[in-house]
Amino acid sequence: MNVPVHWKDFDVDVILDSPVHPVTEGDNLTLRCLYRDKKPSNLRAEFYKDGSVVQNQTTGDMMIIPTVSKSHEGFYYCKHPEKGESQKSWISVRVSGASHVKMFGFNMITSLLAVCTYLTVTVVLVFKCCKLRDPHSSVEDQLQYAVREDETSI
């Protein structure tokens, strides 16, 4: 949603037309450089994010970011070579609901794998301990797990 611009409210020649509300991750972001003079002699704008040039338009006054991500969040402004530059505008990017669902699913799967691994190891260890303590187990079974005295001496 963009807010209509009324030039009488501003003492500037260049305004960055940008969304007022946060842009959802994955959506398109369109930025336009507007001029007080509707038809400047040179329709050309440079777009900046956090002080660095993002796009240099040799023709036109619009920049489109096709798939917005959280890394696109920051302060944007545009600059016309003759008319000057706009005020900085903060572009906020919100994470989409689908990203939250994917992350929740991933966390759930990794948690389940950890629990299953823990339970499997615990069951195996309990089984082996019970087998060693069972007086009815065969001598061969007990010897298999016993430590011989000559193996432990130095």
N, C-alpha and C. Protein backbone atom coordinates (compact mmCIF):
# COMPACT_ATOMS: atom_id res chain seq x y z
N MET A 1 0.84 -1.17 0.00
CA MET A 1 0.00 0.00 0.00
C MET A 1 0.89 1.23 0.00
N ASN A 2 0.73 2.08 -0.97
CA ASN A 2 1.48 3.33 -1.05
C ASN A 2 0.57 4.48 -0.65
N VAL A 3 1.16 5.52 -0.09
CA VAL A 3 0.41 6.71 0.32
C VAL A 3 0.50 7.73 -0.80
N PRO A 4 -0.62 8.38 -1.16
CA PRO A 4 -0.56 9.40 -2.22
C PRO A 4 0.34 10.57 -1.79
N VAL A 5 1.08 11.09 -2.75
CA VAL A 5 2.02 12.18 -2.47
C VAL A 5 1.40 13.50 -2.88
N HIS A 6 1.42 14.46 -1.96
CA HIS A 6 0.96 15.83 -2.24
C HIS A 6 2.18 16.73 -2.13
N TRP A 7 2.64 17.23 -3.25
CA TRP A 7 3.89 17.98 -3.29
C TRP A 7 3.87 19.21 -2.42
N LYS A 8 2.70 19.81 -2.22
CA LYS A 8 2.65 21.03 -1.40
C LYS A 8 3.07 20.75 0.05
N ASP A 9 2.98 19.47 0.45
CA ASP A 9 3.36 19.09 1.81
C ASP A 9 4.87 18.94 1.99
N PHE A 10 5.61 18.98 0.90
CA PHE A 10 7.05 18.72 0.98
C PHE A 10 7.84 19.85 0.36
N ASP A 11 9.01 20.11 0.94
CA ASP A 11 9.91 21.10 0.38
C ASP A 11 11.09 20.38 -0.26
N VAL A 12 10.77 19.42 -1.13
CA VAL A 12 11.79 18.63 -1.81
C VAL A 12 11.38 18.46 -3.27
N ASP A 13 12.36 18.10 -4.10
CA ASP A 13 12.08 17.87 -5.51
C ASP A 13 11.98 16.39 -5.85
N VAL A 14 12.47 15.52 -4.96
CA VAL A 14 12.50 14.08 -5.22
C VAL A 14 11.93 13.33 -4.01
N ILE A 15 11.04 12.38 -4.29
CA ILE A 15 10.46 11.54 -3.23
C ILE A 15 10.54 10.09 -3.67
N LEU A 16 10.91 9.21 -2.72
CA LEU A 16 10.90 7.78 -2.98
C LEU A 16 9.50 7.27 -2.64
N ASP A 17 8.84 6.71 -3.62
CA ASP A 17 7.52 6.10 -3.43
C ASP A 17 7.75 4.65 -3.06
N SER A 18 7.43 4.31 -1.79
CA SER A 18 7.70 2.96 -1.28
C SER A 18 6.54 2.51 -0.41
N PRO A 19 6.44 1.20 -0.15
CA PRO A 19 5.35 0.70 0.69
C PRO A 19 5.43 1.23 2.12
N VAL A 20 4.28 1.52 2.69
CA VAL A 20 4.22 2.01 4.06
C VAL A 20 4.29 0.84 5.04
N HIS A 21 3.63 -0.26 4.69
CA HIS A 21 3.59 -1.44 5.55
C HIS A 21 4.70 -2.41 5.17
N PRO A 22 5.05 -3.33 6.06
CA PRO A 22 6.08 -4.33 5.73
C PRO A 22 5.71 -5.14 4.49
N VAL A 23 6.72 -5.47 3.71
CA VAL A 23 6.54 -6.32 2.53
C VAL A 23 6.72 -7.76 2.99
N THR A 24 5.88 -8.65 2.47
CA THR A 24 5.97 -10.06 2.86
C THR A 24 7.07 -10.74 2.07
N GLU A 25 7.88 -11.52 2.76
CA GLU A 25 8.97 -12.26 2.12
C GLU A 25 8.42 -13.07 0.95
N GLY A 26 9.10 -12.97 -0.20
CA GLY A 26 8.67 -13.69 -1.40
C GLY A 26 7.88 -12.83 -2.37
N ASP A 27 7.33 -11.71 -1.89
CA ASP A 27 6.56 -10.80 -2.75
C ASP A 27 7.50 -9.91 -3.56
N ASN A 28 6.94 -9.19 -4.52
CA ASN A 28 7.69 -8.20 -5.29
C ASN A 28 7.71 -6.88 -4.51
N LEU A 29 8.79 -6.14 -4.68
CA LEU A 29 8.91 -4.80 -4.11
C LEU A 29 9.17 -3.83 -5.25
N THR A 30 8.31 -2.83 -5.36
CA THR A 30 8.47 -1.82 -6.40
C THR A 30 8.75 -0.48 -5.74
N LEU A 31 9.83 0.15 -6.13
CA LEU A 31 10.20 1.48 -5.66
C LEU A 31 10.20 2.42 -6.85
N ARG A 32 9.65 3.61 -6.65
CA ARG A 32 9.63 4.61 -7.72
C ARG A 32 10.23 5.90 -7.20
N CYS A 33 10.92 6.56 -8.07
CA CYS A 33 11.48 7.87 -7.75
C CYS A 33 10.56 8.90 -8.39
N LEU A 34 9.91 9.72 -7.57
CA LEU A 34 8.96 10.72 -8.07
C LEU A 34 9.60 12.10 -8.02
N TYR A 35 9.26 12.93 -9.01
CA TYR A 35 9.83 14.27 -9.13
C TYR A 35 8.73 15.31 -9.08
N ARG A 36 9.06 16.45 -8.48
CA ARG A 36 8.09 17.55 -8.43
C ARG A 36 7.70 17.94 -9.86
N ASP A 37 8.68 18.06 -10.72
CA ASP A 37 8.43 18.33 -12.15
C ASP A 37 8.03 16.99 -12.77
N LYS A 38 6.80 16.88 -13.21
CA LYS A 38 6.28 15.60 -13.71
C LYS A 38 7.12 15.01 -14.84
N LYS A 39 7.72 15.84 -15.65
CA LYS A 39 8.51 15.35 -16.78
C LYS A 39 9.90 15.96 -16.74
N PRO A 40 10.76 15.42 -15.90
CA PRO A 40 12.12 15.96 -15.89
C PRO A 40 12.81 15.62 -17.21
N SER A 41 13.78 16.45 -17.55
CA SER A 41 14.46 16.27 -18.84
C SER A 41 15.18 14.92 -18.89
N ASN A 42 15.57 14.40 -17.75
CA ASN A 42 16.35 13.18 -17.71
C ASN A 42 15.68 12.19 -16.75
N LEU A 43 14.88 11.27 -17.28
CA LEU A 43 14.23 10.27 -16.43
C LEU A 43 15.24 9.19 -16.06
N ARG A 44 15.96 9.46 -15.02
CA ARG A 44 17.00 8.53 -14.60
C ARG A 44 17.14 8.61 -13.09
N ALA A 45 17.27 7.46 -12.45
CA ALA A 45 17.41 7.47 -10.99
C ALA A 45 18.39 6.39 -10.55
N GLU A 46 19.08 6.68 -9.49
CA GLU A 46 19.92 5.69 -8.83
C GLU A 46 19.21 5.34 -7.53
N PHE A 47 19.16 4.05 -7.23
CA PHE A 47 18.52 3.59 -6.00
C PHE A 47 19.58 3.09 -5.03
N TYR A 48 19.44 3.47 -3.77
CA TYR A 48 20.41 3.14 -2.74
C TYR A 48 19.74 2.37 -1.60
N LYS A 49 20.50 1.45 -1.03
CA LYS A 49 20.07 0.75 0.19
C LYS A 49 21.19 0.89 1.20
N ASP A 50 20.87 1.42 2.34
CA ASP A 50 21.85 1.62 3.41
C ASP A 50 23.13 2.31 2.91
N GLY A 51 22.96 3.27 2.01
CA GLY A 51 24.08 4.07 1.52
C GLY A 51 24.83 3.52 0.33
N SER A 52 24.52 2.31 -0.10
CA SER A 52 25.21 1.70 -1.25
C SER A 52 24.27 1.63 -2.45
N VAL A 53 24.83 1.84 -3.64
CA VAL A 53 24.02 1.78 -4.86
C VAL A 53 23.49 0.37 -5.05
N VAL A 54 22.17 0.28 -5.22
CA VAL A 54 21.52 -1.01 -5.47
C VAL A 54 21.29 -1.17 -6.96
N GLN A 55 20.81 -0.10 -7.58
CA GLN A 55 20.51 -0.16 -9.01
C GLN A 55 20.67 1.23 -9.61
N ASN A 56 21.32 1.26 -10.76
CA ASN A 56 21.50 2.51 -11.48
C ASN A 56 20.65 2.42 -12.75
N GLN A 57 19.55 3.16 -12.76
CA GLN A 57 18.64 3.14 -13.91
C GLN A 57 19.14 4.14 -14.95
N THR A 58 19.56 3.65 -16.08
CA THR A 58 19.97 4.57 -17.14
C THR A 58 18.75 5.18 -17.81
N THR A 59 17.65 4.45 -17.78
CA THR A 59 16.38 5.00 -18.26
C THR A 59 15.29 4.56 -17.29
N GLY A 60 14.40 5.46 -16.98
CA GLY A 60 13.31 5.12 -16.09
C GLY A 60 13.56 5.55 -14.67
N ASP A 61 12.51 5.44 -13.86
CA ASP A 61 12.59 5.91 -12.48
C ASP A 61 11.98 4.88 -11.52
N MET A 62 12.09 3.60 -11.87
CA MET A 62 11.48 2.56 -11.06
C MET A 62 12.46 1.41 -10.87
N MET A 63 12.40 0.79 -9.68
CA MET A 63 13.21 -0.38 -9.40
C MET A 63 12.28 -1.46 -8.85
N ILE A 64 12.42 -2.67 -9.38
CA ILE A 64 11.61 -3.79 -8.91
C ILE A 64 12.53 -4.89 -8.38
N ILE A 65 12.26 -5.33 -7.16
CA ILE A 65 12.95 -6.49 -6.60
C ILE A 65 11.93 -7.62 -6.67
N PRO A 66 12.18 -8.61 -7.54
CA PRO A 66 11.15 -9.62 -7.80
C PRO A 66 10.80 -10.54 -6.62
N THR A 67 11.73 -10.96 -5.84
CA THR A 67 11.45 -11.85 -4.71
C THR A 67 12.17 -11.31 -3.48
N VAL A 68 11.41 -10.65 -2.63
CA VAL A 68 11.98 -10.00 -1.46
C VAL A 68 12.33 -11.03 -0.39
N SER A 69 13.48 -10.82 0.25
CA SER A 69 13.85 -11.66 1.40
C SER A 69 14.20 -10.73 2.55
N LYS A 70 14.42 -11.30 3.71
CA LYS A 70 14.73 -10.51 4.90
C LYS A 70 15.99 -9.65 4.69
N SER A 71 16.89 -10.09 3.81
CA SER A 71 18.12 -9.34 3.56
C SER A 71 17.86 -8.02 2.81
N HIS A 72 16.67 -7.86 2.24
CA HIS A 72 16.34 -6.62 1.53
C HIS A 72 15.87 -5.52 2.49
N GLU A 73 15.71 -5.84 3.75
CA GLU A 73 15.26 -4.86 4.73
C GLU A 73 16.34 -3.81 4.92
N GLY A 74 15.94 -2.53 5.00
CA GLY A 74 16.90 -1.47 5.23
C GLY A 74 16.37 -0.11 4.82
N PHE A 75 17.26 0.88 4.85
CA PHE A 75 16.92 2.24 4.44
C PHE A 75 17.19 2.42 2.96
N TYR A 76 16.19 2.86 2.22
CA TYR A 76 16.30 3.08 0.78
C TYR A 76 16.09 4.55 0.47
N TYR A 77 16.75 5.01 -0.59
CA TYR A 77 16.45 6.33 -1.14
C TYR A 77 16.85 6.34 -2.61
N CYS A 78 16.35 7.32 -3.33
CA CYS A 78 16.70 7.42 -4.74
C CYS A 78 17.34 8.79 -4.99
N LYS A 79 18.06 8.86 -6.08
CA LYS A 79 18.80 10.08 -6.40
C LYS A 79 18.69 10.35 -7.89
N HIS A 80 18.33 11.58 -8.22
CA HIS A 80 18.28 12.03 -9.61
C HIS A 80 19.50 12.91 -9.84
N PRO A 81 20.18 12.74 -10.98
CA PRO A 81 21.43 13.49 -11.19
C PRO A 81 21.27 15.01 -11.16
N GLU A 82 20.09 15.51 -11.51
CA GLU A 82 19.89 16.97 -11.54
C GLU A 82 18.99 17.47 -10.41
N LYS A 83 18.03 16.65 -9.99
CA LYS A 83 17.02 17.10 -9.03
C LYS A 83 17.41 16.85 -7.57
N GLY A 84 18.37 15.97 -7.33
CA GLY A 84 18.78 15.69 -5.96
C GLY A 84 18.32 14.31 -5.50
N GLU A 85 18.30 14.14 -4.18
CA GLU A 85 17.93 12.83 -3.65
C GLU A 85 16.75 12.92 -2.71
N SER A 86 16.09 11.79 -2.54
CA SER A 86 14.93 11.71 -1.66
C SER A 86 15.36 11.50 -0.21
N GLN A 87 14.40 11.61 0.68
CA GLN A 87 14.62 11.23 2.07
C GLN A 87 14.74 9.71 2.13
N LYS A 88 15.36 9.21 3.17
CA LYS A 88 15.48 7.76 3.34
C LYS A 88 14.15 7.20 3.84
N SER A 89 13.81 6.01 3.33
CA SER A 89 12.60 5.30 3.76
C SER A 89 12.99 3.92 4.23
N TRP A 90 12.46 3.51 5.38
CA TRP A 90 12.73 2.18 5.91
C TRP A 90 11.80 1.18 5.25
N ILE A 91 12.38 0.15 4.64
CA ILE A 91 11.60 -0.94 4.05
C ILE A 91 11.73 -2.13 5.00
N SER A 92 10.60 -2.56 5.52
CA SER A 92 10.56 -3.67 6.46
C SER A 92 10.04 -4.92 5.73
N VAL A 93 10.65 -6.07 6.02
CA VAL A 93 10.25 -7.33 5.40
C VAL A 93 9.82 -8.29 6.50
N ARG A 94 8.61 -8.81 6.38
CA ARG A 94 8.13 -9.78 7.37
C ARG A 94 8.22 -11.18 6.77
N VAL A 95 8.52 -12.13 7.63
CA VAL A 95 8.64 -13.52 7.21
C VAL A 95 7.24 -14.04 6.94
N SER A 96 7.08 -14.75 5.83
CA SER A 96 5.76 -15.27 5.47
C SER A 96 5.38 -16.41 6.38
N GLY A 97 4.08 -16.67 6.48
CA GLY A 97 3.56 -17.77 7.29
C GLY A 97 4.10 -19.10 6.82
N ALA A 98 4.28 -19.27 5.52
CA ALA A 98 4.80 -20.53 4.98
C ALA A 98 6.20 -20.81 5.50
N SER A 99 7.02 -19.78 5.65
CA SER A 99 8.37 -19.97 6.17
C SER A 99 8.33 -20.46 7.62
N HIS A 100 7.38 -19.90 8.40
CA HIS A 100 7.25 -20.35 9.78
C HIS A 100 6.84 -21.82 9.84
N VAL A 101 5.92 -22.22 8.98
CA VAL A 101 5.46 -23.60 8.95
C VAL A 101 6.60 -24.53 8.56
N LYS A 102 7.39 -24.15 7.55
CA LYS A 102 8.53 -24.97 7.13
C LYS A 102 9.53 -25.12 8.26
N MET A 103 9.83 -24.02 8.96
CA MET A 103 10.80 -24.07 10.05
C MET A 103 10.27 -24.92 11.20
N PHE A 104 8.97 -24.80 11.50
CA PHE A 104 8.37 -25.61 12.56
C PHE A 104 8.47 -27.09 12.21
N GLY A 105 8.17 -27.44 10.96
CA GLY A 105 8.26 -28.83 10.50
C GLY A 105 9.68 -29.36 10.60
N PHE A 106 10.64 -28.57 10.20
CA PHE A 106 12.05 -28.97 10.28
C PHE A 106 12.45 -29.20 11.74
N ASN A 107 12.08 -28.28 12.62
CA ASN A 107 12.42 -28.43 14.04
C ASN A 107 11.74 -29.66 14.63
N MET A 108 10.51 -29.93 14.22
CA MET A 108 9.79 -31.09 14.74
C MET A 108 10.48 -32.39 14.30
N ILE A 109 10.88 -32.47 13.05
CA ILE A 109 11.54 -33.68 12.54
C ILE A 109 12.88 -33.92 13.24
N THR A 110 13.68 -32.87 13.39
CA THR A 110 14.98 -33.05 14.04
C THR A 110 14.81 -33.43 15.51
N SER A 111 13.79 -32.89 16.16
CA SER A 111 13.53 -33.26 17.56
C SER A 111 13.10 -34.72 17.65
N LEU A 112 12.24 -35.16 16.75
CA LEU A 112 11.81 -36.56 16.76
C LEU A 112 12.97 -37.51 16.51
N LEU A 113 13.86 -37.15 15.59
CA LEU A 113 15.03 -37.99 15.33
C LEU A 113 15.92 -38.09 16.56
N ALA A 114 16.11 -37.00 17.26
CA ALA A 114 16.94 -37.01 18.47
C ALA A 114 16.30 -37.89 19.54
N VAL A 115 15.01 -37.76 19.73
CA VAL A 115 14.32 -38.57 20.74
C VAL A 115 14.38 -40.05 20.38
N CYS A 116 14.14 -40.38 19.11
CA CYS A 116 14.18 -41.78 18.68
C CYS A 116 15.58 -42.38 18.89
N THR A 117 16.61 -41.64 18.56
CA THR A 117 17.98 -42.11 18.76
C THR A 117 18.25 -42.35 20.24
N TYR A 118 17.84 -41.42 21.08
CA TYR A 118 18.04 -41.56 22.52
C TYR A 118 17.32 -42.80 23.04
N LEU A 119 16.06 -42.98 22.65
CA LEU A 119 15.29 -44.14 23.12
C LEU A 119 15.91 -45.45 22.64
N THR A 120 16.37 -45.51 21.41
CA THR A 120 16.98 -46.73 20.88
C THR A 120 18.24 -47.10 21.66
N VAL A 121 19.10 -46.13 21.90
CA VAL A 121 20.33 -46.38 22.65
C VAL A 121 19.99 -46.82 24.08
N THR A 122 19.02 -46.17 24.69
CA THR A 122 18.62 -46.53 26.05
C THR A 122 18.10 -47.97 26.12
N VAL A 123 17.25 -48.36 25.19
CA VAL A 123 16.70 -49.72 25.16
C VAL A 123 17.80 -50.75 24.98
N VAL A 124 18.73 -50.50 24.08
CA VAL A 124 19.83 -51.44 23.84
C VAL A 124 20.68 -51.59 25.10
N LEU A 125 21.01 -50.48 25.76
CA LEU A 125 21.83 -50.54 26.98
C LEU A 125 21.10 -51.27 28.11
N VAL A 126 19.82 -51.01 28.28
CA VAL A 126 19.04 -51.70 29.32
C VAL A 126 19.00 -53.20 29.02
N PHE A 127 18.80 -53.55 27.77
CA PHE A 127 18.77 -54.97 27.38
C PHE A 127 20.09 -55.65 27.71
N LYS A 128 21.21 -55.00 27.36
CA LYS A 128 22.53 -55.60 27.61
C LYS A 128 22.79 -55.72 29.11
N CYS A 129 22.40 -54.73 29.89
CA CYS A 129 22.60 -54.81 31.35
C CYS A 129 21.77 -55.93 31.96
N CYS A 130 20.54 -56.06 31.50
CA CYS A 130 19.67 -57.13 32.02
C CYS A 130 20.22 -58.50 31.65
N LYS A 131 20.75 -58.62 30.47
CA LYS A 131 21.30 -59.90 30.01
C LYS A 131 22.51 -60.29 30.85
N LEU A 132 23.34 -59.35 31.25
CA LEU A 132 24.51 -59.63 32.09
C LEU A 132 24.11 -60.08 33.49
N ARG A 133 23.03 -59.53 34.02
CA ARG A 133 22.60 -59.85 35.38
C ARG A 133 21.74 -61.11 35.45
N ASP A 134 21.30 -61.61 34.34
CA ASP A 134 20.42 -62.78 34.31
C ASP A 134 21.22 -64.02 34.70
N PRO A 135 20.83 -64.67 35.83
CA PRO A 135 21.59 -65.85 36.28
C PRO A 135 21.36 -67.05 35.35
N HIS A 136 20.35 -67.03 34.56
CA HIS A 136 20.04 -68.15 33.67
C HIS A 136 20.72 -68.02 32.31
N SER A 137 21.41 -66.92 32.07
CA SER A 137 22.07 -66.79 30.77
C SER A 137 23.26 -67.75 30.73
N SER A 138 23.63 -68.15 29.59
CA SER A 138 24.69 -69.14 29.44
C SER A 138 26.05 -68.57 29.82
N VAL A 139 26.96 -69.42 30.15
CA VAL A 139 28.31 -69.01 30.52
C VAL A 139 28.98 -68.31 29.34
N GLU A 140 28.70 -68.79 28.13
CA GLU A 140 29.29 -68.17 26.94
C GLU A 140 28.83 -66.71 26.81
N ASP A 141 27.53 -66.47 27.09
CA ASP A 141 27.01 -65.09 27.03
C ASP A 141 27.71 -64.21 28.05
N GLN A 142 27.89 -64.73 29.28
CA GLN A 142 28.52 -63.94 30.32
C GLN A 142 29.99 -63.68 30.01
N LEU A 143 30.67 -64.68 29.45
CA LEU A 143 32.08 -64.50 29.09
C LEU A 143 32.25 -63.50 27.96
N GLN A 144 31.28 -63.43 27.11
CA GLN A 144 31.36 -62.50 25.97
C GLN A 144 31.48 -61.06 26.47
N TYR A 145 30.80 -60.76 27.57
CA TYR A 145 30.80 -59.39 28.09
C TYR A 145 31.79 -59.17 29.23
N ALA A 146 32.38 -60.22 29.73
CA ALA A 146 33.30 -60.12 30.86
C ALA A 146 34.64 -59.59 30.40
N VAL A 147 35.30 -58.90 31.29
CA VAL A 147 36.64 -58.38 31.02
C VAL A 147 37.63 -59.33 31.66
N ARG A 148 38.54 -59.81 30.87
CA ARG A 148 39.53 -60.74 31.42
C ARG A 148 40.61 -59.98 32.16
N GLU A 149 41.08 -60.58 33.24
CA GLU A 149 42.06 -59.92 34.08
C GLU A 149 43.36 -59.67 33.34
N ASP A 150 43.79 -60.60 32.49
CA ASP A 150 45.07 -60.43 31.78
C ASP A 150 44.98 -59.32 30.73
N GLU A 151 43.79 -58.94 30.26
CA GLU A 151 43.64 -57.83 29.29
C GLU A 151 43.76 -56.49 29.95
N THR A 152 43.48 -56.43 31.25
CA THR A 152 43.51 -55.14 31.95
C THR A 152 44.84 -54.85 32.60
N SER A 153 45.70 -55.84 32.76
CA SER A 153 46.99 -55.60 33.40
C SER A 153 47.95 -54.94 32.41
N ILE A 154 48.84 -54.17 32.94
CA ILE A 154 49.78 -53.42 32.12
C ILE A 154 51.01 -54.19 31.80
